[in-house]
C-alpha atoms as a PDB file:
ATOM      1  CA  UNK A   1     -14.274  52.260  25.878  1.00  0.00           C
ATOM      2  CA  UNK A   2     -11.167  50.266  24.938  1.00  0.00           C
ATOM      3  CA  UNK A   3     -12.025  47.208  22.842  1.00  0.00           C
ATOM      4  CA  UNK A   4     -11.211  43.695  23.974  1.00  0.00           C
ATOM      5  CA  UNK A   5      -8.737  41.287  22.411  1.00  0.00           C
ATOM      6  CA  UNK A   6      -9.405  38.493  19.943  1.00  0.00           C
ATOM      7  CA  UNK A   7      -7.370  35.308  20.482  1.00  0.00           C
ATOM      8  CA  UNK A   8      -7.134  32.659  17.747  1.00  0.00           C
ATOM      9  CA  UNK A   9      -6.490  29.486  19.735  1.00  0.00           C
ATOM     10  CA  UNK A  10      -5.327  26.122  18.408  1.00  0.00           C
ATOM     11  CA  UNK A  11      -6.849  23.102  20.154  1.00  0.00           C
ATOM     12  CA  UNK A  12      -5.989  19.357  20.078  1.00  0.00           C
ATOM     13  CA  UNK A  13      -6.520  17.456  16.814  1.00  0.00           C
ATOM     14  CA  UNK A  14      -7.114  14.240  18.744  1.00  0.00           C
ATOM     15  CA  UNK A  15      -5.185  13.701  21.948  1.00  0.00           C
ATOM     16  CA  UNK A  16      -6.512  15.955  24.713  1.00  0.00           C
ATOM     17  CA  UNK A  17      -2.985  16.438  26.080  1.00  0.00           C
ATOM     18  CA  UNK A  18      -1.895  18.292  22.921  1.00  0.00           C
ATOM     19  CA  UNK A  19      -2.845  21.725  24.197  1.00  0.00           C
ATOM     20  CA  UNK A  20      -0.422  24.430  25.276  1.00  0.00           C
ATOM     21  CA  UNK A  21      -0.276  25.987  28.719  1.00  0.00           C
ATOM     22  CA  UNK A  22      -0.834  29.377  27.102  1.00  0.00           C
ATOM     23  CA  UNK A  23      -4.042  28.241  25.360  1.00  0.00           C
ATOM     24  CA  UNK A  24      -5.373  26.928  28.682  1.00  0.00           C
ATOM     25  CA  UNK A  25      -4.530  30.217  30.391  1.00  0.00           C
ATOM     26  CA  UNK A  26      -6.214  32.277  27.657  1.00  0.00           C
ATOM     27  CA  UNK A  27      -9.346  30.115  27.745  1.00  0.00           C
ATOM     28  CA  UNK A  28      -9.545  30.679  31.500  1.00  0.00           C
ATOM     29  CA  UNK A  29      -8.999  34.455  31.233  1.00  0.00           C
ATOM     30  CA  UNK A  30     -11.233  35.505  28.308  1.00  0.00           C
ATOM     31  CA  UNK A  31     -14.827  36.628  28.736  1.00  0.00           C
ATOM     32  CA  UNK A  32     -16.259  34.524  25.892  1.00  0.00           C
ATOM     33  CA  UNK A  33     -15.221  31.545  23.774  1.00  0.00           C
ATOM     34  CA  UNK A  34     -16.445  31.372  20.170  1.00  0.00           C
ATOM     35  CA  UNK A  35     -16.622  27.699  19.205  1.00  0.00           C
ATOM     36  CA  UNK A  36     -17.287  25.863  15.947  1.00  0.00           C
ATOM     37  CA  UNK A  37     -19.320  23.226  17.822  1.00  0.00           C
ATOM     38  CA  UNK A  38     -20.128  24.262  21.384  1.00  0.00           C
ATOM     39  CA  UNK A  39     -20.845  20.654  22.436  1.00  0.00           C
ATOM     40  CA  UNK A  40     -17.431  19.516  21.202  1.00  0.00           C
ATOM     41  CA  UNK A  41     -15.630  22.435  22.859  1.00  0.00           C
ATOM     42  CA  UNK A  42     -17.537  21.884  26.098  1.00  0.00           C
ATOM     43  CA  UNK A  43     -15.908  18.429  26.395  1.00  0.00           C
ATOM     44  CA  UNK A  44     -12.472  20.041  26.153  1.00  0.00           C
ATOM     45  CA  UNK A  45     -13.361  22.746  28.682  1.00  0.00           C
ATOM     46  CA  UNK A  46     -14.846  20.227  31.115  1.00  0.00           C
ATOM     47  CA  UNK A  47     -11.715  18.091  30.803  1.00  0.00           C
ATOM     48  CA  UNK A  48      -9.640  21.036  32.050  1.00  0.00           C
ATOM     49  CA  UNK A  49     -12.207  22.443  34.483  1.00  0.00           C
ATOM     50  CA  UNK A  50     -12.849  25.643  32.530  1.00  0.00           C
ATOM     51  CA  UNK A  51     -16.227  27.366  32.685  1.00  0.00           C
ATOM     52  CA  UNK A  52     -16.906  30.196  30.223  1.00  0.00           C
ATOM     53  CA  UNK A  53     -19.868  31.476  28.154  1.00  0.00           C
ATOM     54  CA  UNK A  54     -19.806  29.833  24.714  1.00  0.00           C
ATOM     55  CA  UNK A  55     -20.830  31.478  21.449  1.00  0.00           C
ATOM     56  CA  UNK A  56     -21.600  29.263  18.449  1.00  0.00           C
ATOM     57  CA  UNK A  57     -19.470  30.320  15.477  1.00  0.00           C
ATOM     58  CA  UNK A  58     -19.341  28.060  12.386  1.00  0.00           C
ATOM     59  CA  UNK A  59     -19.379  28.297   8.593  1.00  0.00           C
ATOM     60  CA  UNK A  60     -23.171  28.511   8.386  1.00  0.00           C
ATOM     61  CA  UNK A  61     -23.581  31.428  10.812  1.00  0.00           C
ATOM     62  CA  UNK A  62     -20.196  33.188  10.622  1.00  0.00           C
ATOM     63  CA  UNK A  63     -21.605  36.192   8.752  1.00  0.00           C
ATOM     64  CA  UNK A  64     -24.249  37.046  11.349  1.00  0.00           C
ATOM     65  CA  UNK A  65     -22.447  35.709  14.417  1.00  0.00           C
ATOM     66  CA  UNK A  66     -19.206  37.390  13.382  1.00  0.00           C
ATOM     67  CA  UNK A  67     -20.878  40.781  13.773  1.00  0.00           C
ATOM     68  CA  UNK A  68     -22.111  39.780  17.232  1.00  0.00           C
ATOM     69  CA  UNK A  69     -18.589  38.746  18.295  1.00  0.00           C
ATOM     70  CA  UNK A  70     -17.226  42.075  17.016  1.00  0.00           C
ATOM     71  CA  UNK A  71     -19.826  43.850  19.169  1.00  0.00           C
ATOM     72  CA  UNK A  72     -18.671  41.866  22.210  1.00  0.00           C
ATOM     73  CA  UNK A  73     -15.092  42.879  21.488  1.00  0.00           C
ATOM     74  CA  UNK A  74     -16.009  46.535  21.000  1.00  0.00           C
ATOM     75  CA  UNK A  75     -17.752  46.435  24.379  1.00  0.00           C
ATOM     76  CA  UNK A  76     -14.405  45.552  25.960  1.00  0.00           C
ATOM     77  CA  UNK A  77     -14.775  41.754  26.156  1.00  0.00           C
ATOM     78  CA  UNK A  78     -11.872  39.429  25.352  1.00  0.00           C
ATOM     79  CA  UNK A  79     -12.871  36.559  23.049  1.00  0.00           C
ATOM     80  CA  UNK A  80     -11.083  33.309  22.202  1.00  0.00           C
ATOM     81  CA  UNK A  81     -11.913  31.560  18.926  1.00  0.00           C
ATOM     82  CA  UNK A  82     -11.545  27.775  18.691  1.00  0.00           C
ATOM     83  CA  UNK A  83     -12.456  25.211  16.053  1.00  0.00           C
ATOM     84  CA  UNK A  84     -13.314  21.579  16.696  1.00  0.00           C
ATOM     85  CA  UNK A  85      -9.644  20.707  16.216  1.00  0.00           C
ATOM     86  CA  UNK A  86      -6.430  22.371  15.170  1.00  0.00           C
ATOM     87  CA  UNK A  87      -5.996  25.999  14.123  1.00  0.00           C
ATOM     88  CA  UNK A  88      -9.084  28.138  13.393  1.00  0.00           C
ATOM     89  CA  UNK A  89      -8.982  29.536   9.878  1.00  0.00           C
ATOM     90  CA  UNK A  90      -7.242  26.478   8.375  1.00  0.00           C
ATOM     91  CA  UNK A  91     -10.162  24.765   6.591  1.00  0.00           C
ATOM     92  CA  UNK A  92     -12.253  25.983   9.539  1.00  0.00           C
ATOM     93  CA  UNK A  93     -14.086  29.229  10.416  1.00  0.00           C
ATOM     94  CA  UNK A  94     -11.978  32.121  11.665  1.00  0.00           C
ATOM     95  CA  UNK A  95     -10.465  33.938   8.696  1.00  0.00           C
ATOM     96  CA  UNK A  96     -13.439  36.268   8.149  1.00  0.00           C
ATOM     97  CA  UNK A  97     -13.579  37.169  11.821  1.00  0.00           C
ATOM     98  CA  UNK A  98      -9.864  38.045  11.901  1.00  0.00           C
ATOM     99  CA  UNK A  99     -10.260  40.265   8.821  1.00  0.00           C
ATOM    100  CA  UNK A 100     -13.334  41.989  10.294  1.00  0.00           C
ATOM    101  CA  UNK A 101     -11.597  42.597  13.636  1.00  0.00           C
ATOM    102  CA  UNK A 102      -8.579  44.117  11.909  1.00  0.00           C
ATOM    103  CA  UNK A 103     -10.853  46.411   9.889  1.00  0.00           C
ATOM    104  CA  UNK A 104     -12.331  47.686  13.168  1.00  0.00           C
ATOM    105  CA  UNK A 105      -8.891  48.205  14.721  1.00  0.00           C
ATOM    106  CA  UNK A 106      -9.354  45.401  17.265  1.00  0.00           C
ATOM    107  CA  UNK A 107      -6.228  43.692  18.610  1.00  0.00           C
ATOM    108  CA  UNK A 108      -5.859  40.144  17.244  1.00  0.00           C
ATOM    109  CA  UNK A 109      -3.238  37.567  18.160  1.00  0.00           C
ATOM    110  CA  UNK A 110      -2.672  33.873  17.594  1.00  0.00           C
ATOM    111  CA  UNK A 111      -2.053  31.259  20.278  1.00  0.00           C
ATOM    112  CA  UNK A 112      -0.293  28.459  18.328  1.00  0.00           C
ATOM    113  CA  UNK A 113      -0.739  24.730  18.690  1.00  0.00           C
ATOM    114  CA  UNK A 114      -1.499  21.568  16.708  1.00  0.00           C
ATOM    115  CA  UNK A 115      -2.196  21.690  12.966  1.00  0.00           C
ATOM    116  CA  UNK A 116      -3.162  18.487  11.129  1.00  0.00           C
ATOM    117  CA  UNK A 117      -1.655  19.403   7.755  1.00  0.00           C
ATOM    118  CA  UNK A 118       1.873  20.012   9.063  1.00  0.00           C
ATOM    119  CA  UNK A 119       1.740  17.037  11.442  1.00  0.00           C
ATOM    120  CA  UNK A 120       0.728  14.738   8.579  1.00  0.00           C
ATOM    121  CA  UNK A 121       3.441  16.136   6.303  1.00  0.00           C
ATOM    122  CA  UNK A 122       6.143  15.380   8.854  1.00  0.00           C
ATOM    123  CA  UNK A 123       4.802  11.854   9.463  1.00  0.00           C
ATOM    124  CA  UNK A 124       4.578  11.072   5.737  1.00  0.00           C
ATOM    125  CA  UNK A 125       8.304  11.178   5.112  1.00  0.00           C
ATOM    126  CA  UNK A 126       7.693  13.262   1.969  1.00  0.00           C
ATOM    127  CA  UNK A 127       9.770  16.284   0.991  1.00  0.00           C
ATOM    128  CA  UNK A 128       9.118  19.050   3.541  1.00  0.00           C
ATOM    129  CA  UNK A 129      11.345  21.710   1.959  1.00  0.00           C
ATOM    130  CA  UNK A 130       8.488  23.101  -0.134  1.00  0.00           C
ATOM    131  CA  UNK A 131       4.815  22.173   0.134  1.00  0.00           C
ATOM    132  CA  UNK A 132       1.360  23.489  -0.717  1.00  0.00           C
ATOM    133  CA  UNK A 133      -1.786  23.072   1.388  1.00  0.00           C
ATOM    134  CA  UNK A 134      -4.985  22.747  -0.648  1.00  0.00           C
ATOM    135  CA  UNK A 135      -7.491  21.852   2.094  1.00  0.00           C
ATOM    136  CA  UNK A 136     -10.553  20.013   0.779  1.00  0.00           C
ATOM    137  CA  UNK A 137     -10.971  19.621  -2.977  1.00  0.00           C
ATOM    138  CA  UNK A 138     -14.067  21.339  -4.449  1.00  0.00           C
ATOM    139  CA  UNK A 139     -17.252  19.266  -4.275  1.00  0.00           C
ATOM    140  CA  UNK A 140     -18.454  19.751  -7.862  1.00  0.00           C
ATOM    141  CA  UNK A 141     -16.846  17.602 -10.553  1.00  0.00           C
ATOM    142  CA  UNK A 142     -16.036  20.540 -12.821  1.00  0.00           C
ATOM    143  CA  UNK A 143     -14.354  22.588 -10.094  1.00  0.00           C
ATOM    144  CA  UNK A 144     -12.506  19.538  -8.763  1.00  0.00           C
ATOM    145  CA  UNK A 145     -11.162  18.657 -12.220  1.00  0.00           C
ATOM    146  CA  UNK A 146     -10.073  22.254 -12.749  1.00  0.00           C
ATOM    147  CA  UNK A 147      -8.213  22.344  -9.426  1.00  0.00           C
ATOM    148  CA  UNK A 148      -6.387  19.090 -10.177  1.00  0.00           C
ATOM    149  CA  UNK A 149      -5.410  20.304 -13.640  1.00  0.00           C
ATOM    150  CA  UNK A 150      -3.762  23.256 -11.891  1.00  0.00           C
ATOM    151  CA  UNK A 151      -1.954  20.872  -9.528  1.00  0.00           C
ATOM    152  CA  UNK A 152      -0.871  18.385 -12.204  1.00  0.00           C
ATOM    153  CA  UNK A 153       2.606  19.886 -12.570  1.00  0.00           C
ATOM    154  CA  UNK A 154       2.908  21.253  -9.022  1.00  0.00           C
ATOM    155  CA  UNK A 155       6.446  20.334  -7.954  1.00  0.00           C
ATOM    156  CA  UNK A 156       5.890  20.962  -4.238  1.00  0.00           C
ATOM    157  CA  UNK A 157       4.483  18.301  -1.931  1.00  0.00           C
ATOM    158  CA  UNK A 158       0.672  18.604  -1.937  1.00  0.00           C
ATOM    159  CA  UNK A 159      -1.462  18.303   1.216  1.00  0.00           C
ATOM    160  CA  UNK A 160      -5.227  17.673   1.108  1.00  0.00           C
ATOM    161  CA  UNK A 161      -7.932  16.978   3.659  1.00  0.00           C
ATOM    162  CA  UNK A 162     -10.568  14.347   2.918  1.00  0.00           C
ATOM    163  CA  UNK A 163     -13.548  12.635   4.548  1.00  0.00           C
ATOM    164  CA  UNK A 164     -13.503   8.828   4.748  1.00  0.00           C
ATOM    165  CA  UNK A 165     -16.678   8.360   2.659  1.00  0.00           C
ATOM    166  CA  UNK A 166     -15.084  10.297  -0.224  1.00  0.00           C
ATOM    167  CA  UNK A 167     -11.573   8.818  -0.028  1.00  0.00           C
ATOM    168  CA  UNK A 168     -11.925   6.134  -2.701  1.00  0.00           C
ATOM    169  CA  UNK A 169     -13.470   8.547  -5.224  1.00  0.00           C
ATOM    170  CA  UNK A 170     -10.715  11.060  -4.471  1.00  0.00           C
ATOM    171  CA  UNK A 171      -7.959   8.469  -4.929  1.00  0.00           C
ATOM    172  CA  UNK A 172      -9.516   7.520  -8.278  1.00  0.00           C
ATOM    173  CA  UNK A 173      -9.539  11.078  -9.578  1.00  0.00           C
ATOM    174  CA  UNK A 174      -6.029  11.763  -8.219  1.00  0.00           C
ATOM    175  CA  UNK A 175      -4.731   8.713 -10.073  1.00  0.00           C
ATOM    176  CA  UNK A 176      -6.500   9.819 -13.240  1.00  0.00           C
ATOM    177  CA  UNK A 177      -5.388  13.454 -13.120  1.00  0.00           C
ATOM    178  CA  UNK A 178      -1.961  13.292 -11.444  1.00  0.00           C
ATOM    179  CA  UNK A 179      -0.711   9.875 -12.507  1.00  0.00           C
ATOM    180  CA  UNK A 180       0.568   7.049 -10.343  1.00  0.00           C
ATOM    181  CA  UNK A 181       2.798   8.881  -7.899  1.00  0.00           C
ATOM    182  CA  UNK A 182       3.578   8.324  -4.222  1.00  0.00           C
ATOM    183  CA  UNK A 183       0.913   9.265  -1.679  1.00  0.00           C
ATOM    184  CA  UNK A 184       0.576   9.043   2.096  1.00  0.00           C
ATOM    185  CA  UNK A 185      -2.792   8.543   3.761  1.00  0.00           C
ATOM    186  CA  UNK A 186      -2.575   9.743   7.362  1.00  0.00           C
ATOM    187  CA  UNK A 187      -5.554   8.819   9.540  1.00  0.00           C
ATOM    188  CA  UNK A 188      -6.635   9.630  13.078  1.00  0.00           C
ATOM    189  CA  UNK A 189      -3.655  11.820  13.933  1.00  0.00           C
ATOM    190  CA  UNK A 190      -2.580  11.641  17.620  1.00  0.00           C
ATOM    191  CA  UNK A 191      -5.396   9.188  18.426  1.00  0.00           C
ATOM    192  CA  UNK A 192      -5.211   5.539  19.516  1.00  0.00           C
ATOM    193  CA  UNK A 193      -5.657   4.204  15.976  1.00  0.00           C
ATOM    194  CA  UNK A 194      -3.302   6.652  14.250  1.00  0.00           C
ATOM    195  CA  UNK A 195      -2.138   5.158  10.951  1.00  0.00           C
ATOM    196  CA  UNK A 196       0.263   6.279   8.211  1.00  0.00           C
ATOM    197  CA  UNK A 197       0.200   4.414   4.885  1.00  0.00           C
ATOM    198  CA  UNK A 198       2.635   5.288   2.095  1.00  0.00           C
ATOM    199  CA  UNK A 199       2.173   3.712  -1.337  1.00  0.00           C
ATOM    200  CA  UNK A 200       1.760   4.622  -4.977  1.00  0.00           C
ATOM    201  CA  UNK A 201      -1.733   5.895  -5.798  1.00  0.00           C
ATOM    202  CA  UNK A 202      -2.716   2.747  -7.670  1.00  0.00           C
ATOM    203  CA  UNK A 203      -1.726   0.529  -4.740  1.00  0.00           C
ATOM    204  CA  UNK A 204      -3.449   2.843  -2.250  1.00  0.00           C
ATOM    205  CA  UNK A 205      -6.688   2.771  -4.221  1.00  0.00           C
ATOM    206  CA  UNK A 206      -6.645  -1.026  -4.333  1.00  0.00           C
ATOM    207  CA  UNK A 207      -5.936  -1.189  -0.590  1.00  0.00           C
ATOM    208  CA  UNK A 208      -8.885   0.989   0.407  1.00  0.00           C
ATOM    209  CA  UNK A 209     -11.228  -0.732  -2.033  1.00  0.00           C
ATOM    210  CA  UNK A 210     -10.721  -3.799   0.169  1.00  0.00           C
ATOM    211  CA  UNK A 211     -10.347  -1.932   3.477  1.00  0.00           C
ATOM    212  CA  UNK A 212     -13.051   0.729   3.921  1.00  0.00           C
ATOM    213  CA  UNK A 213     -11.461   3.849   5.444  1.00  0.00           C
ATOM    214  CA  UNK A 214     -12.475   5.315   8.792  1.00  0.00           C
ATOM    215  CA  UNK A 215     -11.578   8.455  10.716  1.00  0.00           C
ATOM    216  CA  UNK A 216     -10.271  11.886   9.776  1.00  0.00           C
ATOM    217  CA  UNK A 217      -7.846  11.803   6.856  1.00  0.00           C
ATOM    218  CA  UNK A 218      -4.972  13.892   5.533  1.00  0.00           C
ATOM    219  CA  UNK A 219      -3.464  13.116   2.109  1.00  0.00           C
ATOM    220  CA  UNK A 220       0.169  13.981   1.397  1.00  0.00           C
ATOM    221  CA  UNK A 221       1.040  13.673  -2.291  1.00  0.00           C
ATOM    222  CA  UNK A 222       4.435  13.610  -3.944  1.00  0.00           C
ATOM    223  CA  UNK A 223       5.097  16.627  -6.128  1.00  0.00           C
ATOM    224  CA  UNK A 224       5.487  16.467  -9.920  1.00  0.00           C
ATOM    225  CA  UNK A 225       8.998  15.421 -10.910  1.00  0.00           C
ATOM    226  CA  UNK A 226       9.142  17.668 -13.948  1.00  0.00           C
ATOM    227  CA  UNK A 227      10.456  17.027 -17.413  1.00  0.00           C
ATOM    228  CA  UNK A 228      12.827  14.357 -16.153  1.00  0.00           C
ATOM    229  CA  UNK A 229       9.914  12.070 -15.256  1.00  0.00           C
ATOM    230  CA  UNK A 230       8.197  12.661 -18.584  1.00  0.00           C
ATOM    231  CA  UNK A 231      11.424  11.775 -20.407  1.00  0.00           C
ATOM    232  CA  UNK A 232      11.789   8.522 -18.523  1.00  0.00           C
ATOM    233  CA  UNK A 233       8.287   7.399 -19.368  1.00  0.00           C
ATOM    234  CA  UNK A 234       7.594   8.711 -22.854  1.00  0.00           C
ATOM    235  CA  UNK A 235      10.880   9.552 -24.566  1.00  0.00           C
ATOM    236  CA  UNK A 236      12.875   6.392 -23.881  1.00  0.00           C
ATOM    237  CA  UNK A 237      12.265   2.787 -24.855  1.00  0.00           C
ATOM    238  CA  UNK A 238      10.854   0.183 -22.489  1.00  0.00           C
ATOM    239  CA  UNK A 239      14.187  -1.637 -22.598  1.00  0.00           C
ATOM    240  CA  UNK A 240      16.192   1.450 -21.674  1.00  0.00           C
ATOM    241  CA  UNK A 241      13.774   2.342 -18.911  1.00  0.00           C
ATOM    242  CA  UNK A 242      13.995  -1.149 -17.357  1.00  0.00           C
ATOM    243  CA  UNK A 243      17.790  -1.071 -17.725  1.00  0.00           C
ATOM    244  CA  UNK A 244      17.944   2.294 -15.963  1.00  0.00           C
ATOM    245  CA  UNK A 245      15.911   1.061 -12.992  1.00  0.00           C
ATOM    246  CA  UNK A 246      18.123  -2.013 -12.689  1.00  0.00           C
ATOM    247  CA  UNK A 247      21.187   0.263 -12.682  1.00  0.00           C
ATOM    248  CA  UNK A 248      19.423   2.299  -9.971  1.00  0.00           C
ATOM    249  CA  UNK A 249      19.373  -0.804  -7.765  1.00  0.00           C
ATOM    250  CA  UNK A 250      16.088  -2.604  -8.505  1.00  0.00           C
ATOM    251  CA  UNK A 251      16.070  -6.270  -9.451  1.00  0.00           C
ATOM    252  CA  UNK A 252      14.686  -7.142 -12.868  1.00  0.00           C
ATOM    253  CA  UNK A 253      11.244  -8.160 -11.565  1.00  0.00           C
ATOM    254  CA  UNK A 254      10.764  -4.899  -9.634  1.00  0.00           C
ATOM    255  CA  UNK A 255      12.071  -2.856 -12.570  1.00  0.00           C
ATOM    256  CA  UNK A 256       9.522  -4.466 -14.898  1.00  0.00           C
ATOM    257  CA  UNK A 257       6.750  -3.901 -12.359  1.00  0.00           C
ATOM    258  CA  UNK A 258       7.592  -0.193 -12.040  1.00  0.00           C
ATOM    259  CA  UNK A 259       7.828   0.380 -15.796  1.00  0.00           C
ATOM    260  CA  UNK A 260       4.475  -1.352 -16.308  1.00  0.00           C
ATOM    261  CA  UNK A 261       2.856   0.807 -13.644  1.00  0.00           C
ATOM    262  CA  UNK A 262       4.299   4.084 -14.950  1.00  0.00           C
ATOM    263  CA  UNK A 263       3.328   3.323 -18.540  1.00  0.00           C
ATOM    264  CA  UNK A 264      -0.057   1.843 -17.666  1.00  0.00           C
ATOM    265  CA  UNK A 265       0.875  -1.464 -19.302  1.00  0.00           C
ATOM    266  CA  UNK A 266       0.395  -5.088 -18.202  1.00  0.00           C
ATOM    267  CA  UNK A 267       3.593  -6.554 -16.714  1.00  0.00           C
ATOM    268  CA  UNK A 268       3.574  -9.423 -19.203  1.00  0.00           C
ATOM    269  CA  UNK A 269       3.550  -6.925 -22.075  1.00  0.00           C
ATOM    270  CA  UNK A 270       6.664  -5.208 -20.724  1.00  0.00           C
ATOM    271  CA  UNK A 271       8.320  -8.599 -20.240  1.00  0.00           C
ATOM    272  CA  UNK A 272       7.384  -9.653 -23.778  1.00  0.00           C
ATOM    273  CA  UNK A 273       8.859  -6.421 -25.187  1.00  0.00           C
ATOM    274  CA  UNK A 274      12.145  -7.153 -23.415  1.00  0.00           C
ATOM    275  CA  UNK A 275      12.312 -10.676 -24.828  1.00  0.00           C
ATOM    276  CA  UNK A 276      11.487  -9.610 -28.367  1.00  0.00           C
ATOM    277  CA  UNK A 277      14.191  -6.914 -28.481  1.00  0.00           C
END
């Protein structure tokens, strides 16, 4: 018996209209739909009048349920895999199933659509020429610190996912490990309350300490500027650094504020140093 086909289908990350015609056709044509949360997927299917048998497939059952889905495929059934939002396999279940299907010689294809990480990157206004997607940071302190040490001198734009209840703690550790660089917090992509905030890490931390975050969050972080940044901060005098920023177009007050932030000094101390020299 010829095996069925496995379709990796991207679904909306918020707005129900962000689904391709091809995804809708595949969902109508397959024999089964493997869903991260069947209740969540059922809302999408009901919205478009699609009725299909659903198979629960998430990170806690993917080992056992993956084998069952492979059996369905080997029996000649076509199966579509969807996550709660976006592309399966990107910080969501799906990768193991694709690998297992390929090992068994089963046809696998992707049906593209929305992806939160790329959408957030474009909205952030950060450099899109080169970027790295890191998903969620590790949960344990040791592993998280190790990951950030590896990213400390990453020159590409960095993209992370984060939950609202962990955002403040994450901003704190990012500031500590990466320094006070530019960051974008992108919330509720494609939804009614979509919001994009771009600030330095220190400012962003202060903002969310007074404004508790809500909704799904993507962080887009400016890449490390290399030796040039280190030279500006540590190998030149305060006076020369302020002078350089003024020559770059900042007024004196803003130049002092930036130097104080980059050096971790009080603004009045920077101002005093300028007066004394």
